[in-house]
Amino acid sequence: MKNALHQLWLDNTEDIFNRDRGCPQVKELTDLIQRNREKLSEALSDAQKETLEKYDDCCAELHDLYFERFFESGFRLGVQLTLAGLL
């Protein structure tokens, strides 16, 4: 079951994230993050930039794991609610 949810998550994330980009708050925060990241990167040495990239990679991986878990929990809750309604 977990593998099936994982595959469902991987197939659906692109649509979910593309849909949220139309949200004004998401666009504003994304733009702000990008501008601040560029300013920070310009102020760092090459070694510091490499460390920042490693940090960004770890944060992105953690972010993906959290969202996958949230998706699994929401999916399970949806199935439980559906079953409760049928019984």
Protein backbone atom coordinates (compact mmCIF):
# COMPACT_ATOMS: atom_id res chain seq x y z
CA MET A 1 0.00 0.00 0.00
CA LYS A 2 2.77 2.43 0.92
CA ASN A 3 4.52 1.84 -2.41
CA ALA A 4 1.25 2.43 -4.27
CA LEU A 5 0.73 5.72 -2.41
CA HIS A 6 4.32 6.69 -3.17
CA GLN A 7 3.81 6.10 -6.89
CA LEU A 8 0.50 7.99 -6.82
CA TRP A 9 2.27 10.86 -5.05
CA LEU A 10 5.09 10.97 -7.60
CA ASP A 11 2.65 11.03 -10.51
CA ASN A 12 0.45 13.78 -9.04
CA THR A 13 2.91 16.24 -7.51
CA GLU A 14 3.64 18.11 -10.73
CA ASP A 15 -0.04 18.95 -11.24
CA ILE A 16 -0.46 20.00 -7.62
CA PHE A 17 2.53 22.34 -7.63
CA ASN A 18 1.67 23.85 -11.02
CA ARG A 19 -1.88 24.58 -9.84
CA ASP A 20 -0.62 26.33 -6.68
CA ARG A 21 1.62 28.66 -8.68
CA GLY A 22 -1.50 30.56 -9.74
CA CYS A 23 -2.09 31.49 -6.09
CA PRO A 24 -0.94 35.10 -5.45
CA GLN A 25 0.50 34.29 -2.01
CA VAL A 26 2.53 31.37 -3.35
CA LYS A 27 3.84 33.46 -6.26
CA GLU A 28 4.77 36.34 -3.94
CA LEU A 29 6.60 34.09 -1.49
CA THR A 30 8.35 32.18 -4.27
CA ASP A 31 9.57 35.42 -5.84
CA LEU A 32 10.73 36.74 -2.47
CA ILE A 33 12.62 33.54 -1.70
CA GLN A 34 14.29 33.62 -5.11
CA ARG A 35 15.35 37.28 -4.79
CA ASN A 36 16.74 36.77 -1.29
CA ARG A 37 18.53 33.57 -2.34
CA GLU A 38 20.19 35.42 -5.24
CA LYS A 39 21.29 38.29 -2.96
CA LEU A 40 22.71 35.84 -0.45
CA SER A 41 24.52 33.89 -3.14
CA GLU A 42 26.15 37.06 -4.51
CA ALA A 43 27.57 37.86 -1.07
CA LEU A 44 29.15 34.44 -0.46
CA SER A 45 32.51 33.00 -1.40
CA ASP A 46 32.68 29.91 -3.62
CA ALA A 47 33.17 27.61 -0.62
CA GLN A 48 30.23 29.19 1.16
CA LYS A 49 28.08 28.86 -1.97
CA GLU A 50 28.89 25.15 -2.09
CA THR A 51 27.86 24.78 1.55
CA LEU A 52 24.65 26.70 0.86
CA GLU A 53 23.86 24.40 -2.08
CA LYS A 54 24.32 21.35 0.14
CA TYR A 55 22.02 22.95 2.71
CA ASP A 56 19.43 23.69 0.00
CA ASP A 57 19.61 20.07 -1.20
CA CYS A 58 19.02 18.74 2.32
CA CYS A 59 16.11 21.15 2.87
CA ALA A 60 14.54 20.15 -0.45
CA GLU A 61 14.85 16.45 0.40
CA LEU A 62 13.31 17.00 3.84
CA HIS A 63 10.53 19.09 2.27
CA ASP A 64 9.75 16.29 -0.19
CA LEU A 65 9.64 13.70 2.60
CA TYR A 66 7.25 15.82 4.66
CA PHE A 67 4.91 16.42 1.74
CA GLU A 68 4.90 12.75 0.84
CA ARG A 69 3.95 11.89 4.42
CA PHE A 70 1.21 14.55 4.43
CA PHE A 71 -0.13 13.14 1.18
CA GLU A 72 -0.16 9.59 2.60
CA SER A 73 -1.95 10.74 5.76
CA GLY A 74 -4.54 12.70 3.78
CA PHE A 75 -5.13 9.81 1.43
CA ARG A 76 -5.62 7.40 4.32
CA LEU A 77 -8.03 9.81 6.00
CA GLY A 78 -9.99 10.12 2.76
CA VAL A 79 -10.27 6.34 2.46
CA GLN A 80 -11.36 6.04 6.10
CA LEU A 81 -14.04 8.72 5.63
CA THR A 82 -15.26 7.01 2.47
CA LEU A 83 -15.47 3.65 4.21
CA ALA A 84 -17.25 5.18 7.20
CA GLY A 85 -19.82 6.70 4.83
CA LEU A 86 -20.41 3.38 3.11
CA LEU A 87 -20.90 1.36 6.29
